[in-house]
Amino acid sequence: MTEIRTPRLLLRRWTDDDLVPLSEINADPEVMRWIGEGETLDLDRTAEDIERWEEEWDEEGFGIFAVELLGSGELIGAVGLSIPEHLPEVLPHAEITWRLGRQYWGQGYASEAAQATLEFALQDRGLDRVVAINRAGNEDSENVIRKLGMVLERDTTDPRYGHLLQIHGIDLTEYEA
């Protein structure tokens, strides 16, 4: 079982106990504001996400982690890697992504989990490049991306929703520098 421990977090695979806490995070309009069309997700859609993420683990050898606080075991969100099929121009590279409950914002958890995930991607899984796809205007995610050392490469339009997206990237040699 793949797990990553950081000073404050445990990144791990999903369990049945994670469905309700993640669906509560997904039901918050502020959390979902920058994701997809910005719509909240109910329990069924959250279950579909978890199922898809677990399938990606099986197929790719990486995926989206459940993120919990080490001290309490409380689920605070999801951070990990996925294949951005909706954006063929960045394929075959994996995308790093994160979604945390609002009460956990501003405490460095997203950066801590994303940094551990980036290291996992480039050093453990042998990926040579990782991208981050950020919807233009999402300054909080932009800050995390900068902390990861990723560089803005280009703007593009989301083919599904028409939003302006910013593509950032980092490769193994840039990460090791």
C-alpha atoms as a PDB file:
ATOM      1  CA  MET A   1       0.000   0.000   0.000  1.00  0.00           C
ATOM      2  CA  THR A   2       1.408   3.359  -1.011  1.00  0.00           C
ATOM      3  CA  GLU A   3       1.633   5.908   1.781  1.00  0.00           C
ATOM      4  CA  ILE A   4       3.602   9.102   2.249  1.00  0.00           C
ATOM      5  CA  ARG A   5       4.169  10.744   5.612  1.00  0.00           C
ATOM      6  CA  THR A   6       5.053  14.392   5.940  1.00  0.00           C
ATOM      7  CA  PRO A   7       5.614  16.210   9.242  1.00  0.00           C
ATOM      8  CA  ARG A   8       1.863  16.778   9.652  1.00  0.00           C
ATOM      9  CA  LEU A   9       0.079  14.630   7.075  1.00  0.00           C
ATOM     10  CA  LEU A  10      -0.504  11.095   5.881  1.00  0.00           C
ATOM     11  CA  LEU A  11      -1.134  10.657   2.153  1.00  0.00           C
ATOM     12  CA  ARG A  12      -2.720   7.253   1.522  1.00  0.00           C
ATOM     13  CA  ARG A  13      -5.109   5.265  -0.637  1.00  0.00           C
ATOM     14  CA  TRP A  14      -8.867   5.663  -0.182  1.00  0.00           C
ATOM     15  CA  THR A  15     -11.102   3.685   2.179  1.00  0.00           C
ATOM     16  CA  ASP A  16     -14.887   3.457   2.500  1.00  0.00           C
ATOM     17  CA  ASP A  17     -14.685   5.712   5.570  1.00  0.00           C
ATOM     18  CA  ASP A  18     -13.444   8.580   3.390  1.00  0.00           C
ATOM     19  CA  LEU A  19     -16.618   8.916   1.301  1.00  0.00           C
ATOM     20  CA  VAL A  20     -18.706  11.042   3.676  1.00  0.00           C
ATOM     21  CA  PRO A  21     -15.912  13.437   4.741  1.00  0.00           C
ATOM     22  CA  LEU A  22     -14.845  13.984   1.124  1.00  0.00           C
ATOM     23  CA  SER A  23     -18.447  14.497   0.019  1.00  0.00           C
ATOM     24  CA  GLU A  24     -18.755  17.198   2.709  1.00  0.00           C
ATOM     25  CA  ILE A  25     -15.669  18.922   1.266  1.00  0.00           C
ATOM     26  CA  ASN A  26     -17.100  18.560  -2.266  1.00  0.00           C
ATOM     27  CA  ALA A  27     -20.431  20.061  -1.125  1.00  0.00           C
ATOM     28  CA  ASP A  28     -18.768  23.391  -0.249  1.00  0.00           C
ATOM     29  CA  PRO A  29     -19.256  25.890  -3.109  1.00  0.00           C
ATOM     30  CA  GLU A  30     -16.131  27.803  -2.109  1.00  0.00           C
ATOM     31  CA  VAL A  31     -13.977  24.658  -2.313  1.00  0.00           C
ATOM     32  CA  MET A  32     -15.408  23.747  -5.715  1.00  0.00           C
ATOM     33  CA  ARG A  33     -15.333  27.286  -7.137  1.00  0.00           C
ATOM     34  CA  TRP A  34     -12.209  26.707  -9.276  1.00  0.00           C
ATOM     35  CA  ILE A  35     -12.771  23.026 -10.112  1.00  0.00           C
ATOM     36  CA  GLY A  36     -14.458  22.053 -13.366  1.00  0.00           C
ATOM     37  CA  GLU A  37     -17.580  24.133 -13.858  1.00  0.00           C
ATOM     38  CA  GLY A  38     -17.534  25.122 -10.186  1.00  0.00           C
ATOM     39  CA  GLU A  39     -20.446  22.925  -9.210  1.00  0.00           C
ATOM     40  CA  THR A  40     -20.615  21.050  -5.931  1.00  0.00           C
ATOM     41  CA  LEU A  41     -20.635  17.256  -5.909  1.00  0.00           C
ATOM     42  CA  ASP A  42     -23.057  15.041  -4.014  1.00  0.00           C
ATOM     43  CA  LEU A  43     -22.323  11.711  -2.336  1.00  0.00           C
ATOM     44  CA  ASP A  44     -22.789   9.697  -5.551  1.00  0.00           C
ATOM     45  CA  ARG A  45     -20.505  11.920  -7.635  1.00  0.00           C
ATOM     46  CA  THR A  46     -17.912  11.855  -4.857  1.00  0.00           C
ATOM     47  CA  ALA A  47     -18.060   8.041  -4.837  1.00  0.00           C
ATOM     48  CA  GLU A  48     -17.534   8.062  -8.622  1.00  0.00           C
ATOM     49  CA  ASP A  49     -14.458  10.294  -8.182  1.00  0.00           C
ATOM     50  CA  ILE A  50     -12.935   8.008  -5.565  1.00  0.00           C
ATOM     51  CA  GLU A  51     -13.623   4.958  -7.730  1.00  0.00           C
ATOM     52  CA  ARG A  52     -11.998   6.640 -10.746  1.00  0.00           C
ATOM     53  CA  TRP A  53      -8.985   7.700  -8.661  1.00  0.00           C
ATOM     54  CA  GLU A  54      -8.514   4.169  -7.367  1.00  0.00           C
ATOM     55  CA  GLU A  55      -8.721   2.775 -10.913  1.00  0.00           C
ATOM     56  CA  GLU A  56      -6.013   5.232 -11.958  1.00  0.00           C
ATOM     57  CA  TRP A  57      -3.812   3.914  -9.143  1.00  0.00           C
ATOM     58  CA  ASP A  58      -4.255   0.399 -10.516  1.00  0.00           C
ATOM     59  CA  GLU A  59      -3.649   1.433 -14.128  1.00  0.00           C
ATOM     60  CA  GLU A  60      -0.907   4.061 -13.784  1.00  0.00           C
ATOM     61  CA  GLY A  61       0.837   3.236 -10.508  1.00  0.00           C
ATOM     62  CA  PHE A  62      -0.063   6.677  -9.155  1.00  0.00           C
ATOM     63  CA  GLY A  63      -3.220   8.600  -8.402  1.00  0.00           C
ATOM     64  CA  ILE A  64      -5.006  10.908  -6.017  1.00  0.00           C
ATOM     65  CA  PHE A  65      -4.210  10.386  -2.341  1.00  0.00           C
ATOM     66  CA  ALA A  66      -6.582  10.764   0.582  1.00  0.00           C
ATOM     67  CA  VAL A  67      -4.941  13.314   2.897  1.00  0.00           C
ATOM     68  CA  GLU A  68      -5.377  13.054   6.640  1.00  0.00           C
ATOM     69  CA  LEU A  69      -3.953  14.895   9.623  1.00  0.00           C
ATOM     70  CA  LEU A  70      -1.414  12.718  11.400  1.00  0.00           C
ATOM     71  CA  GLY A  71      -2.501  13.766  14.870  1.00  0.00           C
ATOM     72  CA  SER A  72      -6.236  13.180  14.531  1.00  0.00           C
ATOM     73  CA  GLY A  73      -6.634  10.931  11.479  1.00  0.00           C
ATOM     74  CA  GLU A  74      -9.160  13.429  10.123  1.00  0.00           C
ATOM     75  CA  LEU A  75      -9.579  13.503   6.330  1.00  0.00           C
ATOM     76  CA  ILE A  76      -8.762  17.017   5.098  1.00  0.00           C
ATOM     77  CA  GLY A  77      -8.885  16.495   1.339  1.00  0.00           C
ATOM     78  CA  ALA A  78      -7.301  14.975  -1.740  1.00  0.00           C
ATOM     79  CA  VAL A  79      -3.886  15.578  -3.313  1.00  0.00           C
ATOM     80  CA  GLY A  80      -2.160  13.620  -6.016  1.00  0.00           C
ATOM     81  CA  LEU A  81      -1.497  12.853  -9.634  1.00  0.00           C
ATOM     82  CA  SER A  82      -3.840  12.216 -12.517  1.00  0.00           C
ATOM     83  CA  ILE A  83      -3.743  12.012 -16.282  1.00  0.00           C
ATOM     84  CA  PRO A  84      -5.487  15.135 -17.670  1.00  0.00           C
ATOM     85  CA  GLU A  85      -7.340  13.374 -20.500  1.00  0.00           C
ATOM     86  CA  HIS A  86      -9.460  16.497 -21.044  1.00  0.00           C
ATOM     87  CA  LEU A  87      -6.358  18.427 -22.154  1.00  0.00           C
ATOM     88  CA  PRO A  88      -4.550  16.348 -24.804  1.00  0.00           C
ATOM     89  CA  GLU A  89      -1.936  19.049 -25.378  1.00  0.00           C
ATOM     90  CA  VAL A  90      -0.214  18.218 -22.079  1.00  0.00           C
ATOM     91  CA  LEU A  91      -0.312  14.443 -22.480  1.00  0.00           C
ATOM     92  CA  PRO A  92       1.358  12.116 -21.667  1.00  0.00           C
ATOM     93  CA  HIS A  93       2.389  14.065 -18.559  1.00  0.00           C
ATOM     94  CA  ALA A  94       0.704  13.634 -15.200  1.00  0.00           C
ATOM     95  CA  GLU A  95      -0.975  16.566 -13.494  1.00  0.00           C
ATOM     96  CA  ILE A  96      -0.529  17.369  -9.817  1.00  0.00           C
ATOM     97  CA  THR A  97      -3.766  18.474  -8.189  1.00  0.00           C
ATOM     98  CA  TRP A  98      -5.187  19.257  -4.744  1.00  0.00           C
ATOM     99  CA  ARG A  99      -8.500  19.909  -3.012  1.00  0.00           C
ATOM    100  CA  LEU A 100      -8.722  20.610   0.712  1.00  0.00           C
ATOM    101  CA  GLY A 101     -11.609  21.428   3.001  1.00  0.00           C
ATOM    102  CA  ARG A 102     -11.890  25.184   3.536  1.00  0.00           C
ATOM    103  CA  GLN A 103     -11.094  24.976   7.248  1.00  0.00           C
ATOM    104  CA  TYR A 104      -7.617  23.678   6.286  1.00  0.00           C
ATOM    105  CA  TRP A 105      -6.733  26.511   3.912  1.00  0.00           C
ATOM    106  CA  GLY A 106      -3.936  28.929   4.748  1.00  0.00           C
ATOM    107  CA  GLN A 107      -2.027  26.491   6.968  1.00  0.00           C
ATOM    108  CA  GLY A 108       0.453  25.159   4.413  1.00  0.00           C
ATOM    109  CA  TYR A 109      -1.183  21.736   4.118  1.00  0.00           C
ATOM    110  CA  ALA A 110      -1.703  21.971   0.337  1.00  0.00           C
ATOM    111  CA  SER A 111       1.942  22.932  -0.222  1.00  0.00           C
ATOM    112  CA  GLU A 112       3.194  20.229   2.147  1.00  0.00           C
ATOM    113  CA  ALA A 113       1.130  17.491   0.494  1.00  0.00           C
ATOM    114  CA  ALA A 114       1.827  18.732  -3.041  1.00  0.00           C
ATOM    115  CA  GLN A 115       5.589  18.857  -2.420  1.00  0.00           C
ATOM    116  CA  ALA A 116       5.538  15.279  -1.122  1.00  0.00           C
ATOM    117  CA  THR A 117       3.471  14.226  -4.151  1.00  0.00           C
ATOM    118  CA  LEU A 118       5.847  15.926  -6.575  1.00  0.00           C
ATOM    119  CA  GLU A 119       8.810  14.170  -4.978  1.00  0.00           C
ATOM    120  CA  PHE A 120       6.890  10.869  -5.173  1.00  0.00           C
ATOM    121  CA  ALA A 121       6.183  11.447  -8.884  1.00  0.00           C
ATOM    122  CA  LEU A 122       9.686  12.399  -9.942  1.00  0.00           C
ATOM    123  CA  GLN A 123      11.789  10.239  -7.642  1.00  0.00           C
ATOM    124  CA  ASP A 124       9.683   7.232  -6.666  1.00  0.00           C
ATOM    125  CA  ARG A 125       7.520   6.722  -9.772  1.00  0.00           C
ATOM    126  CA  GLY A 126      10.188   7.806 -12.253  1.00  0.00           C
ATOM    127  CA  LEU A 127       8.106  10.382 -14.078  1.00  0.00           C
ATOM    128  CA  ASP A 128      10.328  12.783 -15.997  1.00  0.00           C
ATOM    129  CA  ARG A 129       7.862  15.682 -15.972  1.00  0.00           C
ATOM    130  CA  VAL A 130       4.795  16.859 -14.029  1.00  0.00           C
ATOM    131  CA  VAL A 131       2.378  19.656 -14.901  1.00  0.00           C
ATOM    132  CA  ALA A 132      -0.054  21.751 -12.897  1.00  0.00           C
ATOM    133  CA  ILE A 133      -3.161  23.092 -14.601  1.00  0.00           C
ATOM    134  CA  ASN A 134      -4.512  26.167 -12.889  1.00  0.00           C
ATOM    135  CA  ARG A 135      -7.633  28.101 -13.764  1.00  0.00           C
ATOM    136  CA  ALA A 136      -6.618  31.734 -14.320  1.00  0.00           C
ATOM    137  CA  GLY A 137      -7.436  33.848 -11.280  1.00  0.00           C
ATOM    138  CA  ASN A 138      -7.015  31.103  -8.682  1.00  0.00           C
ATOM    139  CA  GLU A 139      -4.285  32.869  -6.723  1.00  0.00           C
ATOM    140  CA  ASP A 140      -4.197  30.368  -3.845  1.00  0.00           C
ATOM    141  CA  SER A 141      -3.356  27.500  -6.201  1.00  0.00           C
ATOM    142  CA  GLU A 142      -0.910  29.738  -8.047  1.00  0.00           C
ATOM    143  CA  ASN A 143       0.963  30.227  -4.761  1.00  0.00           C
ATOM    144  CA  VAL A 144       1.221  26.472  -4.225  1.00  0.00           C
ATOM    145  CA  ILE A 145       2.453  26.027  -7.802  1.00  0.00           C
ATOM    146  CA  ARG A 146       5.176  28.646  -7.270  1.00  0.00           C
ATOM    147  CA  LYS A 147       6.291  26.921  -4.058  1.00  0.00           C
ATOM    148  CA  LEU A 148       6.680  23.702  -6.052  1.00  0.00           C
ATOM    149  CA  GLY A 149       9.125  25.471  -8.375  1.00  0.00           C
ATOM    150  CA  MET A 150       6.853  25.019 -11.389  1.00  0.00           C
ATOM    151  CA  VAL A 151       7.113  27.501 -14.241  1.00  0.00           C
ATOM    152  CA  LEU A 152       4.278  28.969 -16.304  1.00  0.00           C
ATOM    153  CA  GLU A 153       4.588  27.572 -19.810  1.00  0.00           C
ATOM    154  CA  ARG A 154       1.464  28.729 -21.597  1.00  0.00           C
ATOM    155  CA  ASP A 155      -2.184  29.635 -21.428  1.00  0.00           C
ATOM    156  CA  THR A 156      -4.897  27.559 -23.025  1.00  0.00           C
ATOM    157  CA  THR A 157      -8.667  27.250 -23.003  1.00  0.00           C
ATOM    158  CA  ASP A 158     -10.442  24.455 -21.161  1.00  0.00           C
ATOM    159  CA  PRO A 159     -12.165  22.516 -23.987  1.00  0.00           C
ATOM    160  CA  ARG A 160     -14.959  21.427 -21.646  1.00  0.00           C
ATOM    161  CA  TYR A 161     -15.913  24.724 -19.989  1.00  0.00           C
ATOM    162  CA  GLY A 162     -14.182  27.515 -21.904  1.00  0.00           C
ATOM    163  CA  HIS A 163     -12.189  28.785 -18.907  1.00  0.00           C
ATOM    164  CA  LEU A 164      -8.718  30.235 -19.343  1.00  0.00           C
ATOM    165  CA  LEU A 165      -6.182  27.747 -17.956  1.00  0.00           C
ATOM    166  CA  GLN A 166      -2.522  28.213 -17.148  1.00  0.00           C
ATOM    167  CA  ILE A 167      -0.167  25.285 -17.733  1.00  0.00           C
ATOM    168  CA  HIS A 168       2.851  25.077 -15.427  1.00  0.00           C
ATOM    169  CA  GLY A 169       5.523  22.422 -15.531  1.00  0.00           C
ATOM    170  CA  ILE A 170       8.640  21.045 -13.946  1.00  0.00           C
ATOM    171  CA  ASP A 171      10.885  18.252 -15.073  1.00  0.00           C
ATOM    172  CA  LEU A 172      13.255  16.066 -13.112  1.00  0.00           C
ATOM    173  CA  THR A 173      16.365  18.110 -13.918  1.00  0.00           C
ATOM    174  CA  GLU A 174      14.657  21.357 -12.844  1.00  0.00           C
ATOM    175  CA  TYR A 175      13.407  19.691  -9.666  1.00  0.00           C
ATOM    176  CA  GLU A 176      16.863  18.386  -8.756  1.00  0.00           C
ATOM    177  CA  ALA A 177      18.562  21.741  -9.429  1.00  0.00           C
END
